[in-house]
Amino acid sequence: MTTASNRWQEESDVYNTDNSSFRFVLPPKSVVTFTGQVITEIITPFNDALNNFSKSTQSQNLVIDTTKPNYFNGDAGRAKRVSESDGYVVYQVTDLKGFSAIVYHHTGVWGGVSFQVSSDGNSWTTLPHESFNSVYSSMGWYRKNYFNRITPPVGTKYLKVLFSGAGAWEKQLADISIAVGP
């Protein structure tokens, strides 16, 4: 998708209207060219609002932070590290097709988030991702949306969200939607 300035992600908003379709609001005089593929298989969304770890497994240094939801647009539960060791959340699904995630970053801390996939839960491969819409929330926190750049390999059954680097509390996973196939 391209606009007159070739920067649609910064100049438009993407709204998920019903977990199966998207509505794009583009600036005036935009030119849109569809270059994707039409998917005819049924893809089921799986969502985790991170109010607890009932839908995932996680490293021992990850906890659910329920403090100060007003800093996070009212979000009452987010996964965060309590030490600077790598921390992760792992989701097991039937057939991973893609994901979108909301992560809050504290001022100036943009790296240290990656996504890995596996067919067996033992051998992991980094899945290229993109991010957009870094929006200020409150008290130095920014909300950022992440999604997979390429389709995961056929047979992918695990998705790992990995936090690394300095600043244990400075990256918090607030929500993740995972698209799974039949």
C-alpha atoms as a PDB file:
ATOM      1  CA  MET A   1       0.000   0.000   0.000  1.00  0.00           C
ATOM      2  CA  THR A   2       1.431   3.349  -1.015  1.00  0.00           C
ATOM      3  CA  THR A   3       0.355   6.936  -0.453  1.00  0.00           C
ATOM      4  CA  ALA A   4       1.501  10.054  -2.209  1.00  0.00           C
ATOM      5  CA  SER A   5       4.344  10.347   0.276  1.00  0.00           C
ATOM      6  CA  ASN A   6       5.125   6.598   0.310  1.00  0.00           C
ATOM      7  CA  ARG A   7       4.741   6.509   4.116  1.00  0.00           C
ATOM      8  CA  TRP A   8       1.276   5.037   4.716  1.00  0.00           C
ATOM      9  CA  GLN A   9       2.062   3.580   8.140  1.00  0.00           C
ATOM     10  CA  GLU A  10       2.822   6.976   9.630  1.00  0.00           C
ATOM     11  CA  GLU A  11       0.004   8.809   7.875  1.00  0.00           C
ATOM     12  CA  SER A  12      -2.892   6.386   8.149  1.00  0.00           C
ATOM     13  CA  ASP A  13      -4.634   4.369  10.796  1.00  0.00           C
ATOM     14  CA  VAL A  14      -5.391   0.661  10.654  1.00  0.00           C
ATOM     15  CA  TYR A  15      -8.446  -0.594  12.492  1.00  0.00           C
ATOM     16  CA  ASN A  16      -9.277  -4.246  13.046  1.00  0.00           C
ATOM     17  CA  THR A  17     -13.044  -4.105  12.700  1.00  0.00           C
ATOM     18  CA  ASP A  18     -14.157  -7.631  13.552  1.00  0.00           C
ATOM     19  CA  ASN A  19     -11.066  -9.874  13.920  1.00  0.00           C
ATOM     20  CA  SER A  20     -11.347 -10.895  10.269  1.00  0.00           C
ATOM     21  CA  SER A  21     -11.134  -7.674   8.260  1.00  0.00           C
ATOM     22  CA  PHE A  22      -9.327  -4.367   8.418  1.00  0.00           C
ATOM     23  CA  ARG A  23     -10.344  -0.831   7.621  1.00  0.00           C
ATOM     24  CA  PHE A  24      -7.673   1.579   6.426  1.00  0.00           C
ATOM     25  CA  VAL A  25      -8.134   5.318   6.841  1.00  0.00           C
ATOM     26  CA  LEU A  26      -5.825   7.036   4.372  1.00  0.00           C
ATOM     27  CA  PRO A  27      -4.909  10.653   3.846  1.00  0.00           C
ATOM     28  CA  PRO A  28      -6.485  12.543   0.918  1.00  0.00           C
ATOM     29  CA  LYS A  29      -5.126  11.904  -2.589  1.00  0.00           C
ATOM     30  CA  SER A  30      -3.765   8.478  -1.644  1.00  0.00           C
ATOM     31  CA  VAL A  31      -3.138   5.865  -4.281  1.00  0.00           C
ATOM     32  CA  VAL A  32      -3.685   2.297  -3.105  1.00  0.00           C
ATOM     33  CA  THR A  33      -2.369  -0.764  -4.897  1.00  0.00           C
ATOM     34  CA  PHE A  34      -3.100  -4.208  -3.476  1.00  0.00           C
ATOM     35  CA  THR A  35      -0.043  -6.426  -3.827  1.00  0.00           C
ATOM     36  CA  GLY A  36      -0.864  -9.087  -1.238  1.00  0.00           C
ATOM     37  CA  GLN A  37      -2.503 -12.417  -1.704  1.00  0.00           C
ATOM     38  CA  VAL A  38      -6.108 -13.327  -1.102  1.00  0.00           C
ATOM     39  CA  ILE A  39      -6.309 -16.012   1.554  1.00  0.00           C
ATOM     40  CA  THR A  40      -9.254 -18.326   1.165  1.00  0.00           C
ATOM     41  CA  GLU A  41      -8.603 -20.628   4.132  1.00  0.00           C
ATOM     42  CA  ILE A  42     -10.280 -19.940   7.442  1.00  0.00           C
ATOM     43  CA  ILE A  43      -7.938 -18.316   9.924  1.00  0.00           C
ATOM     44  CA  THR A  44      -9.022 -18.207  13.538  1.00  0.00           C
ATOM     45  CA  PRO A  45      -7.797 -15.430  15.818  1.00  0.00           C
ATOM     46  CA  PHE A  46      -6.430 -16.299  19.241  1.00  0.00           C
ATOM     47  CA  ASN A  47      -6.089 -13.406  21.660  1.00  0.00           C
ATOM     48  CA  ASP A  48      -4.290 -12.977  24.966  1.00  0.00           C
ATOM     49  CA  ALA A  49      -4.845  -9.729  26.880  1.00  0.00           C
ATOM     50  CA  LEU A  50      -2.071 -10.735  29.340  1.00  0.00           C
ATOM     51  CA  ASN A  51      -4.188 -10.513  32.483  1.00  0.00           C
ATOM     52  CA  ASN A  52      -2.532 -13.782  33.561  1.00  0.00           C
ATOM     53  CA  PHE A  53      -0.398 -16.530  32.010  1.00  0.00           C
ATOM     54  CA  SER A  54      -3.233 -19.049  31.551  1.00  0.00           C
ATOM     55  CA  LYS A  55      -2.795 -19.131  27.748  1.00  0.00           C
ATOM     56  CA  SER A  56       1.001 -19.363  27.667  1.00  0.00           C
ATOM     57  CA  THR A  57       4.171 -20.530  29.332  1.00  0.00           C
ATOM     58  CA  GLN A  58       6.851 -18.046  30.347  1.00  0.00           C
ATOM     59  CA  SER A  59      10.317 -17.621  31.760  1.00  0.00           C
ATOM     60  CA  GLN A  60      10.632 -17.328  35.531  1.00  0.00           C
ATOM     61  CA  ASN A  61      11.640 -13.666  35.307  1.00  0.00           C
ATOM     62  CA  LEU A  62       8.348 -12.595  33.671  1.00  0.00           C
ATOM     63  CA  VAL A  63       5.420 -11.402  35.765  1.00  0.00           C
ATOM     64  CA  ILE A  64       2.082  -9.753  35.090  1.00  0.00           C
ATOM     65  CA  ASP A  65       2.274  -6.076  36.033  1.00  0.00           C
ATOM     66  CA  THR A  66      -1.105  -4.710  37.113  1.00  0.00           C
ATOM     67  CA  THR A  67       0.141  -1.406  38.498  1.00  0.00           C
ATOM     68  CA  LYS A  68      -0.636   2.012  37.063  1.00  0.00           C
ATOM     69  CA  PRO A  69      -3.023   1.057  34.229  1.00  0.00           C
ATOM     70  CA  ASN A  70      -3.512   4.792  33.600  1.00  0.00           C
ATOM     71  CA  TYR A  71       0.049   4.865  32.186  1.00  0.00           C
ATOM     72  CA  PHE A  72      -0.940   2.194  29.649  1.00  0.00           C
ATOM     73  CA  ASN A  73      -4.241   3.439  28.213  1.00  0.00           C
ATOM     74  CA  GLY A  74      -6.179   1.588  30.910  1.00  0.00           C
ATOM     75  CA  ASP A  75      -4.501  -1.777  30.262  1.00  0.00           C
ATOM     76  CA  ALA A  76      -4.761  -3.642  33.571  1.00  0.00           C
ATOM     77  CA  GLY A  77      -2.235  -6.427  32.882  1.00  0.00           C
ATOM     78  CA  ARG A  78       1.062  -6.590  31.003  1.00  0.00           C
ATOM     79  CA  ALA A  79       3.936  -9.074  30.941  1.00  0.00           C
ATOM     80  CA  LYS A  80       7.268  -7.594  32.020  1.00  0.00           C
ATOM     81  CA  ARG A  81      10.682  -8.818  33.152  1.00  0.00           C
ATOM     82  CA  VAL A  82      11.841  -8.481  36.744  1.00  0.00           C
ATOM     83  CA  SER A  83      15.517  -9.006  35.841  1.00  0.00           C
ATOM     84  CA  GLU A  84      17.658  -8.136  32.819  1.00  0.00           C
ATOM     85  CA  SER A  85      18.047 -11.792  31.817  1.00  0.00           C
ATOM     86  CA  ASP A  86      16.207 -12.645  28.612  1.00  0.00           C
ATOM     87  CA  GLY A  87      12.521 -13.185  29.292  1.00  0.00           C
ATOM     88  CA  TYR A  88       9.913 -14.835  27.101  1.00  0.00           C
ATOM     89  CA  VAL A  89       6.295 -15.829  26.666  1.00  0.00           C
ATOM     90  CA  VAL A  90       5.559 -18.922  24.540  1.00  0.00           C
ATOM     91  CA  TYR A  91       2.268 -19.742  22.843  1.00  0.00           C
ATOM     92  CA  GLN A  92       1.465 -23.205  21.490  1.00  0.00           C
ATOM     93  CA  VAL A  93      -1.052 -23.249  18.645  1.00  0.00           C
ATOM     94  CA  THR A  94      -2.224 -25.684  15.962  1.00  0.00           C
ATOM     95  CA  ASP A  95      -0.889 -23.912  12.860  1.00  0.00           C
ATOM     96  CA  LEU A  96       0.575 -20.404  13.215  1.00  0.00           C
ATOM     97  CA  LYS A  97      -0.280 -18.051  10.346  1.00  0.00           C
ATOM     98  CA  GLY A  98       0.748 -14.708  11.867  1.00  0.00           C
ATOM     99  CA  PHE A  99       0.529 -12.386  14.847  1.00  0.00           C
ATOM    100  CA  SER A 100       0.075  -8.820  15.967  1.00  0.00           C
ATOM    101  CA  ALA A 101       1.233  -7.596  19.354  1.00  0.00           C
ATOM    102  CA  ILE A 102       1.039  -4.441  21.433  1.00  0.00           C
ATOM    103  CA  VAL A 103       4.159  -3.619  23.435  1.00  0.00           C
ATOM    104  CA  TYR A 104       4.693  -0.602  25.642  1.00  0.00           C
ATOM    105  CA  HIS A 105       8.207   0.866  25.653  1.00  0.00           C
ATOM    106  CA  HIS A 106       9.524   3.414  28.081  1.00  0.00           C
ATOM    107  CA  THR A 107      11.176   6.548  26.647  1.00  0.00           C
ATOM    108  CA  GLY A 108      14.089   5.799  24.331  1.00  0.00           C
ATOM    109  CA  VAL A 109      14.041   1.992  24.715  1.00  0.00           C
ATOM    110  CA  TRP A 110      13.019   0.676  21.274  1.00  0.00           C
ATOM    111  CA  GLY A 111      15.053  -2.494  20.793  1.00  0.00           C
ATOM    112  CA  GLY A 112      15.020  -5.743  22.689  1.00  0.00           C
ATOM    113  CA  VAL A 113      11.797  -7.259  21.359  1.00  0.00           C
ATOM    114  CA  SER A 114      11.900 -10.215  18.977  1.00  0.00           C
ATOM    115  CA  PHE A 115       9.594 -12.977  17.835  1.00  0.00           C
ATOM    116  CA  GLN A 116      10.657 -16.573  17.270  1.00  0.00           C
ATOM    117  CA  VAL A 117       8.843 -19.587  15.847  1.00  0.00           C
ATOM    118  CA  SER A 118       9.232 -23.335  16.183  1.00  0.00           C
ATOM    119  CA  SER A 119       7.600 -26.516  14.981  1.00  0.00           C
ATOM    120  CA  ASP A 120       8.674 -28.527  18.058  1.00  0.00           C
ATOM    121  CA  GLY A 121       9.190 -26.008  20.887  1.00  0.00           C
ATOM    122  CA  ASN A 122      12.925 -26.781  21.038  1.00  0.00           C
ATOM    123  CA  SER A 123      14.541 -25.344  17.915  1.00  0.00           C
ATOM    124  CA  TRP A 124      13.728 -21.651  17.378  1.00  0.00           C
ATOM    125  CA  THR A 125      14.022 -19.353  14.351  1.00  0.00           C
ATOM    126  CA  THR A 126      13.622 -15.579  14.458  1.00  0.00           C
ATOM    127  CA  LEU A 127      10.555 -14.446  12.531  1.00  0.00           C
ATOM    128  CA  PRO A 128      11.117 -11.058  10.850  1.00  0.00           C
ATOM    129  CA  HIS A 129       8.687  -8.470  12.150  1.00  0.00           C
ATOM    130  CA  GLU A 130       7.705  -4.876  11.581  1.00  0.00           C
ATOM    131  CA  SER A 131       6.382  -2.274  13.934  1.00  0.00           C
ATOM    132  CA  PHE A 132       4.445   0.937  13.537  1.00  0.00           C
ATOM    133  CA  ASN A 133       2.348   3.553  15.298  1.00  0.00           C
ATOM    134  CA  SER A 134       4.583   4.421  18.220  1.00  0.00           C
ATOM    135  CA  VAL A 135       2.053   6.515  20.134  1.00  0.00           C
ATOM    136  CA  TYR A 136       2.676   8.334  23.386  1.00  0.00           C
ATOM    137  CA  SER A 137       0.540   6.998  26.231  1.00  0.00           C
ATOM    138  CA  SER A 138       1.574   8.628  29.527  1.00  0.00           C
ATOM    139  CA  MET A 139       4.519   9.230  31.885  1.00  0.00           C
ATOM    140  CA  GLY A 140       7.167   8.344  29.269  1.00  0.00           C
ATOM    141  CA  TRP A 141       5.411   5.208  27.942  1.00  0.00           C
ATOM    142  CA  TYR A 142       4.799   4.613  24.228  1.00  0.00           C
ATOM    143  CA  ARG A 143       2.464   2.028  22.712  1.00  0.00           C
ATOM    144  CA  LYS A 144       3.881   0.243  19.677  1.00  0.00           C
ATOM    145  CA  ASN A 145       2.236  -2.317  17.364  1.00  0.00           C
ATOM    146  CA  TYR A 146       4.223  -5.283  16.021  1.00  0.00           C
ATOM    147  CA  PHE A 147       3.330  -7.847  13.357  1.00  0.00           C
ATOM    148  CA  ASN A 148       5.062 -10.556  11.345  1.00  0.00           C
ATOM    149  CA  ARG A 149       6.661  -9.426   8.082  1.00  0.00           C
ATOM    150  CA  ILE A 150       6.634 -12.872   6.461  1.00  0.00           C
ATOM    151  CA  THR A 151       4.351 -15.862   6.835  1.00  0.00           C
ATOM    152  CA  PRO A 152       5.690 -18.399   9.338  1.00  0.00           C
ATOM    153  CA  PRO A 153       6.891 -21.716   7.860  1.00  0.00           C
ATOM    154  CA  VAL A 154       4.261 -24.412   7.327  1.00  0.00           C
ATOM    155  CA  GLY A 155       3.934 -26.555  10.442  1.00  0.00           C
ATOM    156  CA  THR A 156       4.779 -23.791  12.929  1.00  0.00           C
ATOM    157  CA  LYS A 157       3.180 -24.613  16.261  1.00  0.00           C
ATOM    158  CA  TYR A 158       4.947 -22.247  18.683  1.00  0.00           C
ATOM    159  CA  LEU A 159       5.416 -18.485  18.911  1.00  0.00           C
ATOM    160  CA  LYS A 160       7.884 -16.977  21.391  1.00  0.00           C
ATOM    161  CA  VAL A 161       7.893 -13.284  22.311  1.00  0.00           C
ATOM    162  CA  LEU A 162      11.412 -12.562  23.575  1.00  0.00           C
ATOM    163  CA  PHE A 163      12.527  -9.556  25.642  1.00  0.00           C
ATOM    164  CA  SER A 164      16.243  -8.872  25.954  1.00  0.00           C
ATOM    165  CA  GLY A 165      18.688  -6.093  26.758  1.00  0.00           C
ATOM    166  CA  ALA A 166      18.967  -3.546  29.507  1.00  0.00           C
ATOM    167  CA  GLY A 167      16.014  -2.178  31.402  1.00  0.00           C
ATOM    168  CA  ALA A 168      13.995  -5.123  32.705  1.00  0.00           C
ATOM    169  CA  TRP A 169      10.739  -3.192  33.175  1.00  0.00           C
ATOM    170  CA  GLU A 170      11.046  -0.898  30.142  1.00  0.00           C
ATOM    171  CA  LYS A 171       9.295  -3.239  27.699  1.00  0.00           C
ATOM    172  CA  GLN A 172       5.860  -4.661  28.519  1.00  0.00           C
ATOM    173  CA  LEU A 173       3.715  -6.967  26.377  1.00  0.00           C
ATOM    174  CA  ALA A 174       0.128  -5.769  26.692  1.00  0.00           C
ATOM    175  CA  ASP A 175      -1.777  -7.820  24.117  1.00  0.00           C
ATOM    176  CA  ILE A 176      -1.178 -10.366  21.385  1.00  0.00           C
ATOM    177  CA  SER A 177      -3.438 -11.730  18.652  1.00  0.00           C
ATOM    178  CA  ILE A 178      -2.331 -14.882  16.908  1.00  0.00           C
ATOM    179  CA  ALA A 179      -3.843 -16.108  13.653  1.00  0.00           C
ATOM    180  CA  VAL A 180      -4.073 -19.893  13.495  1.00  0.00           C
ATOM    181  CA  GLY A 181      -5.208 -22.144  10.672  1.00  0.00           C
ATOM    182  CA  PRO A 182      -7.206 -25.340  10.749  1.00  0.00           C
END
